[in-house]
Amino acid sequence: MNQLESLVFGATALIHLALAAAYAGHSLELVRSGSVNIPAAFVWLVGILSLYIAAVRMLVRRRRASTLLAIAAIALAFASFKLGWPYPPAVIAGLGSVLAALGWVLIRP
């Protein structure tokens, strides 16, 4: 992955972070009300953290982060179905899954 692709991926991950932060209260309310169970929320959190750690590793250290991106893609895809598709957190999780899968494809040799 060259520097321009890393910057575009990092900028897209930053947009994802802004969306996730904007709907964090809504997401917590879904967990509190029981609409989303705790294990699904935990998988969602693991996926989001894996995506952001992979983006930082790619931008700062120029290291490959294929394992983290694969974990993020799988975890966020699972979470998007468990969060209930019409809700905005599920759409954000789906977007993160696509972003992680795209990053994984871009950094493969």
N, C-alpha and C. Protein backbone atom coordinates (compact mmCIF):
# COMPACT_ATOMS: atom_id res chain seq x y z
N MET A 1 0.85 -1.16 0.00
CA MET A 1 0.00 0.00 0.00
C MET A 1 0.90 1.23 0.00
N ASN A 2 0.69 2.11 -0.95
CA ASN A 2 1.53 3.31 -0.98
C ASN A 2 0.98 4.37 -0.03
N GLN A 3 1.68 5.49 0.03
CA GLN A 3 1.32 6.52 1.00
C GLN A 3 -0.05 7.14 0.72
N LEU A 4 -0.39 7.35 -0.53
CA LEU A 4 -1.69 7.94 -0.86
C LEU A 4 -2.83 7.02 -0.44
N GLU A 5 -2.68 5.73 -0.71
CA GLU A 5 -3.72 4.78 -0.30
C GLU A 5 -3.85 4.74 1.22
N SER A 6 -2.72 4.82 1.92
CA SER A 6 -2.76 4.84 3.39
C SER A 6 -3.48 6.07 3.90
N LEU A 7 -3.23 7.21 3.27
CA LEU A 7 -3.89 8.45 3.70
C LEU A 7 -5.39 8.41 3.42
N VAL A 8 -5.77 7.88 2.28
CA VAL A 8 -7.20 7.77 1.95
C VAL A 8 -7.89 6.81 2.93
N PHE A 9 -7.23 5.69 3.22
CA PHE A 9 -7.80 4.75 4.17
C PHE A 9 -7.91 5.39 5.55
N GLY A 10 -6.87 6.11 5.97
CA GLY A 10 -6.91 6.78 7.27
C GLY A 10 -7.99 7.84 7.35
N ALA A 11 -8.18 8.60 6.27
CA ALA A 11 -9.23 9.62 6.25
C ALA A 11 -10.61 8.98 6.32
N THR A 12 -10.79 7.88 5.63
CA THR A 12 -12.08 7.17 5.67
C THR A 12 -12.32 6.58 7.05
N ALA A 13 -11.27 6.07 7.68
CA ALA A 13 -11.41 5.57 9.05
C ALA A 13 -11.74 6.69 10.02
N LEU A 14 -11.21 7.88 9.77
CA LEU A 14 -11.52 9.03 10.60
C LEU A 14 -12.99 9.45 10.44
N ILE A 15 -13.50 9.38 9.23
CA ILE A 15 -14.92 9.66 9.00
C ILE A 15 -15.77 8.61 9.72
N HIS A 16 -15.33 7.36 9.68
CA HIS A 16 -16.05 6.30 10.40
C HIS A 16 -16.03 6.56 11.90
N LEU A 17 -14.90 7.02 12.42
CA LEU A 17 -14.81 7.35 13.84
C LEU A 17 -15.78 8.47 14.20
N ALA A 18 -15.89 9.48 13.35
CA ALA A 18 -16.82 10.58 13.61
C ALA A 18 -18.27 10.09 13.62
N LEU A 19 -18.61 9.21 12.68
CA LEU A 19 -19.96 8.65 12.65
C LEU A 19 -20.24 7.80 13.89
N ALA A 20 -19.26 6.98 14.27
CA ALA A 20 -19.44 6.13 15.44
C ALA A 20 -19.58 6.97 16.71
N ALA A 21 -18.82 8.05 16.80
CA ALA A 21 -18.92 8.93 17.97
C ALA A 21 -20.26 9.66 18.00
N ALA A 22 -20.76 10.03 16.83
CA ALA A 22 -22.03 10.74 16.77
C ALA A 22 -23.19 9.87 17.25
N TYR A 23 -23.11 8.59 16.99
CA TYR A 23 -24.20 7.69 17.37
C TYR A 23 -23.86 6.83 18.59
N ALA A 24 -22.84 7.19 19.34
CA ALA A 24 -22.45 6.40 20.51
C ALA A 24 -23.56 6.36 21.56
N GLY A 25 -24.21 7.48 21.80
CA GLY A 25 -25.31 7.51 22.76
C GLY A 25 -26.47 6.64 22.34
N HIS A 26 -26.79 6.66 21.06
CA HIS A 26 -27.86 5.83 20.53
C HIS A 26 -27.50 4.35 20.69
N SER A 27 -26.24 4.02 20.45
CA SER A 27 -25.78 2.64 20.57
C SER A 27 -25.86 2.17 22.02
N LEU A 28 -25.44 3.01 22.94
CA LEU A 28 -25.51 2.64 24.36
C LEU A 28 -26.95 2.47 24.81
N GLU A 29 -27.83 3.27 24.30
CA GLU A 29 -29.24 3.14 24.65
C GLU A 29 -29.83 1.83 24.12
N LEU A 30 -29.39 1.39 22.94
CA LEU A 30 -29.84 0.10 22.42
C LEU A 30 -29.38 -1.05 23.32
N VAL A 31 -28.16 -0.94 23.84
CA VAL A 31 -27.66 -1.98 24.75
C VAL A 31 -28.40 -1.91 26.08
N ARG A 32 -28.59 -0.69 26.60
CA ARG A 32 -29.28 -0.53 27.89
C ARG A 32 -30.72 -1.02 27.84
N SER A 33 -31.40 -0.77 26.73
CA SER A 33 -32.80 -1.17 26.63
C SER A 33 -32.98 -2.66 26.37
N GLY A 34 -31.90 -3.34 26.04
CA GLY A 34 -31.99 -4.77 25.78
C GLY A 34 -32.24 -5.12 24.33
N SER A 35 -32.29 -4.13 23.44
CA SER A 35 -32.48 -4.41 22.03
C SER A 35 -31.27 -5.11 21.42
N VAL A 36 -30.11 -4.82 21.98
CA VAL A 36 -28.86 -5.45 21.56
C VAL A 36 -28.28 -6.15 22.77
N ASN A 37 -27.91 -7.41 22.60
CA ASN A 37 -27.35 -8.14 23.74
C ASN A 37 -25.87 -7.77 23.95
N ILE A 38 -25.37 -8.07 25.12
CA ILE A 38 -24.01 -7.68 25.51
C ILE A 38 -22.95 -8.35 24.64
N PRO A 39 -23.04 -9.65 24.31
CA PRO A 39 -22.01 -10.23 23.45
C PRO A 39 -21.92 -9.57 22.07
N ALA A 40 -23.04 -9.21 21.49
CA ALA A 40 -23.01 -8.53 20.20
C ALA A 40 -22.35 -7.16 20.32
N ALA A 41 -22.63 -6.45 21.40
CA ALA A 41 -21.98 -5.16 21.62
C ALA A 41 -20.48 -5.32 21.83
N PHE A 42 -20.08 -6.39 22.51
CA PHE A 42 -18.65 -6.65 22.71
C PHE A 42 -17.96 -6.95 21.39
N VAL A 43 -18.58 -7.75 20.54
CA VAL A 43 -18.00 -8.05 19.22
C VAL A 43 -17.91 -6.77 18.40
N TRP A 44 -18.90 -5.92 18.51
CA TRP A 44 -18.88 -4.64 17.80
C TRP A 44 -17.73 -3.78 18.29
N LEU A 45 -17.52 -3.73 19.59
CA LEU A 45 -16.43 -2.95 20.15
C LEU A 45 -15.07 -3.50 19.71
N VAL A 46 -14.92 -4.82 19.69
CA VAL A 46 -13.67 -5.43 19.24
C VAL A 46 -13.42 -5.09 17.76
N GLY A 47 -14.46 -5.14 16.96
CA GLY A 47 -14.31 -4.81 15.54
C GLY A 47 -13.91 -3.37 15.31
N ILE A 48 -14.55 -2.45 16.03
CA ILE A 48 -14.23 -1.03 15.87
C ILE A 48 -12.80 -0.75 16.33
N LEU A 49 -12.43 -1.29 17.47
CA LEU A 49 -11.06 -1.06 17.96
C LEU A 49 -10.03 -1.67 17.02
N SER A 50 -10.30 -2.84 16.47
CA SER A 50 -9.38 -3.45 15.51
C SER A 50 -9.22 -2.58 14.27
N LEU A 51 -10.32 -2.02 13.80
CA LEU A 51 -10.26 -1.15 12.62
C LEU A 51 -9.41 0.09 12.89
N TYR A 52 -9.62 0.73 14.03
CA TYR A 52 -8.88 1.96 14.32
C TYR A 52 -7.41 1.69 14.62
N ILE A 53 -7.11 0.60 15.31
CA ILE A 53 -5.71 0.26 15.57
C ILE A 53 -5.00 -0.08 14.27
N ALA A 54 -5.67 -0.79 13.37
CA ALA A 54 -5.07 -1.10 12.07
C ALA A 54 -4.80 0.17 11.27
N ALA A 55 -5.74 1.13 11.31
CA ALA A 55 -5.55 2.38 10.58
C ALA A 55 -4.36 3.16 11.13
N VAL A 56 -4.23 3.20 12.45
CA VAL A 56 -3.10 3.92 13.05
C VAL A 56 -1.79 3.22 12.72
N ARG A 57 -1.77 1.90 12.79
CA ARG A 57 -0.54 1.17 12.46
C ARG A 57 -0.13 1.39 11.02
N MET A 58 -1.09 1.47 10.12
CA MET A 58 -0.76 1.68 8.72
C MET A 58 -0.25 3.10 8.48
N LEU A 59 -0.80 4.07 9.17
CA LEU A 59 -0.41 5.46 8.95
C LEU A 59 0.89 5.83 9.67
N VAL A 60 1.02 5.43 10.91
CA VAL A 60 2.15 5.88 11.71
C VAL A 60 3.40 5.05 11.46
N ARG A 61 3.26 3.75 11.52
CA ARG A 61 4.44 2.89 11.46
C ARG A 61 4.65 2.24 10.11
N ARG A 62 3.72 2.41 9.21
CA ARG A 62 3.78 1.79 7.89
C ARG A 62 3.89 0.27 7.98
N ARG A 63 3.28 -0.29 8.99
CA ARG A 63 3.27 -1.74 9.15
C ARG A 63 2.01 -2.32 8.55
N ARG A 64 2.14 -3.54 8.18
CA ARG A 64 0.95 -4.24 7.67
C ARG A 64 0.04 -4.59 8.83
N ALA A 65 -1.21 -4.49 8.59
CA ALA A 65 -2.20 -4.76 9.63
C ALA A 65 -3.28 -5.69 9.10
N SER A 66 -2.88 -6.68 8.31
CA SER A 66 -3.87 -7.52 7.65
C SER A 66 -4.69 -8.35 8.64
N THR A 67 -4.06 -8.82 9.71
CA THR A 67 -4.80 -9.62 10.68
C THR A 67 -5.85 -8.78 11.39
N LEU A 68 -5.46 -7.58 11.79
CA LEU A 68 -6.43 -6.69 12.46
C LEU A 68 -7.57 -6.31 11.53
N LEU A 69 -7.27 -6.07 10.26
CA LEU A 69 -8.32 -5.72 9.32
C LEU A 69 -9.27 -6.89 9.07
N ALA A 70 -8.73 -8.10 9.01
CA ALA A 70 -9.60 -9.27 8.83
C ALA A 70 -10.50 -9.45 10.05
N ILE A 71 -9.94 -9.28 11.25
CA ILE A 71 -10.74 -9.38 12.47
C ILE A 71 -11.83 -8.31 12.47
N ALA A 72 -11.46 -7.09 12.09
CA ALA A 72 -12.44 -5.99 12.06
C ALA A 72 -13.55 -6.26 11.05
N ALA A 73 -13.19 -6.75 9.87
CA ALA A 73 -14.20 -7.00 8.84
C ALA A 73 -15.20 -8.07 9.30
N ILE A 74 -14.69 -9.15 9.88
CA ILE A 74 -15.57 -10.23 10.33
C ILE A 74 -16.43 -9.79 11.52
N ALA A 75 -15.79 -9.14 12.49
CA ALA A 75 -16.52 -8.74 13.70
C ALA A 75 -17.58 -7.69 13.38
N LEU A 76 -17.26 -6.73 12.54
CA LEU A 76 -18.23 -5.68 12.22
C LEU A 76 -19.36 -6.20 11.33
N ALA A 77 -19.06 -7.17 10.46
CA ALA A 77 -20.13 -7.77 9.66
C ALA A 77 -21.09 -8.54 10.57
N PHE A 78 -20.55 -9.28 11.53
CA PHE A 78 -21.40 -10.00 12.48
C PHE A 78 -22.21 -9.00 13.31
N ALA A 79 -21.56 -7.94 13.76
CA ALA A 79 -22.25 -6.96 14.61
C ALA A 79 -23.33 -6.21 13.85
N SER A 80 -23.12 -5.97 12.56
CA SER A 80 -24.13 -5.23 11.80
C SER A 80 -25.44 -6.00 11.71
N PHE A 81 -25.36 -7.33 11.67
CA PHE A 81 -26.58 -8.13 11.65
C PHE A 81 -27.21 -8.22 13.03
N LYS A 82 -26.39 -8.29 14.07
CA LYS A 82 -26.90 -8.40 15.42
C LYS A 82 -27.45 -7.08 15.97
N LEU A 83 -26.98 -5.95 15.43
CA LEU A 83 -27.46 -4.65 15.91
C LEU A 83 -28.83 -4.29 15.36
N GLY A 84 -29.29 -4.98 14.37
CA GLY A 84 -30.59 -4.66 13.79
C GLY A 84 -30.43 -3.69 12.65
N TRP A 85 -30.58 -4.16 11.43
CA TRP A 85 -30.19 -3.41 10.26
C TRP A 85 -30.80 -2.02 10.11
N PRO A 86 -32.03 -1.73 10.43
CA PRO A 86 -32.49 -0.37 10.17
C PRO A 86 -31.89 0.68 11.08
N TYR A 87 -31.25 0.28 12.18
CA TYR A 87 -30.69 1.26 13.11
C TYR A 87 -29.38 1.83 12.59
N PRO A 88 -29.12 3.11 12.85
CA PRO A 88 -27.85 3.72 12.39
C PRO A 88 -26.59 3.02 12.88
N PRO A 89 -26.52 2.51 14.12
CA PRO A 89 -25.29 1.80 14.51
C PRO A 89 -25.00 0.58 13.64
N ALA A 90 -26.04 -0.10 13.17
CA ALA A 90 -25.83 -1.25 12.30
C ALA A 90 -25.29 -0.82 10.94
N VAL A 91 -25.77 0.30 10.44
CA VAL A 91 -25.27 0.81 9.17
C VAL A 91 -23.81 1.24 9.32
N ILE A 92 -23.47 1.85 10.45
CA ILE A 92 -22.09 2.26 10.70
C ILE A 92 -21.19 1.03 10.83
N ALA A 93 -21.68 -0.01 11.49
CA ALA A 93 -20.90 -1.25 11.59
C ALA A 93 -20.72 -1.89 10.22
N GLY A 94 -21.74 -1.86 9.39
CA GLY A 94 -21.62 -2.39 8.03
C GLY A 94 -20.63 -1.60 7.20
N LEU A 95 -20.65 -0.28 7.35
CA LEU A 95 -19.68 0.57 6.65
C LEU A 95 -18.26 0.24 7.12
N GLY A 96 -18.08 0.04 8.42
CA GLY A 96 -16.77 -0.32 8.94
C GLY A 96 -16.31 -1.67 8.44
N SER A 97 -17.23 -2.61 8.29
CA SER A 97 -16.88 -3.92 7.76
C SER A 97 -16.39 -3.82 6.32
N VAL A 98 -17.09 -3.04 5.53
CA VAL A 98 -16.67 -2.84 4.14
C VAL A 98 -15.32 -2.13 4.08
N LEU A 99 -15.14 -1.13 4.93
CA LEU A 99 -13.88 -0.40 4.97
C LEU A 99 -12.72 -1.32 5.36
N ALA A 100 -12.93 -2.16 6.37
CA ALA A 100 -11.88 -3.09 6.80
C ALA A 100 -11.57 -4.12 5.71
N ALA A 101 -12.60 -4.63 5.05
CA ALA A 101 -12.38 -5.59 3.98
C ALA A 101 -11.63 -4.94 2.82
N LEU A 102 -11.98 -3.72 2.49
CA LEU A 102 -11.28 -3.00 1.41
C LEU A 102 -9.82 -2.75 1.79
N GLY A 103 -9.57 -2.36 3.03
CA GLY A 103 -8.19 -2.17 3.48
C GLY A 103 -7.41 -3.46 3.45
N TRP A 104 -8.05 -4.57 3.81
CA TRP A 104 -7.39 -5.86 3.78
C TRP A 104 -7.01 -6.25 2.36
N VAL A 105 -7.92 -5.99 1.41
CA VAL A 105 -7.63 -6.31 0.01
C VAL A 105 -6.51 -5.42 -0.52
N LEU A 106 -6.47 -4.17 -0.13
CA LEU A 106 -5.45 -3.25 -0.62
C LEU A 106 -4.05 -3.58 -0.12
N ILE A 107 -3.93 -4.11 1.09
CA ILE A 107 -2.59 -4.35 1.62
C ILE A 107 -2.08 -5.75 1.33
N ARG A 108 -2.89 -6.59 0.76
CA ARG A 108 -2.42 -7.92 0.41
C ARG A 108 -1.37 -7.82 -0.68
N PRO A 109 -0.33 -8.68 -0.62
CA PRO A 109 0.74 -8.61 -1.64
C PRO A 109 0.29 -9.06 -3.01
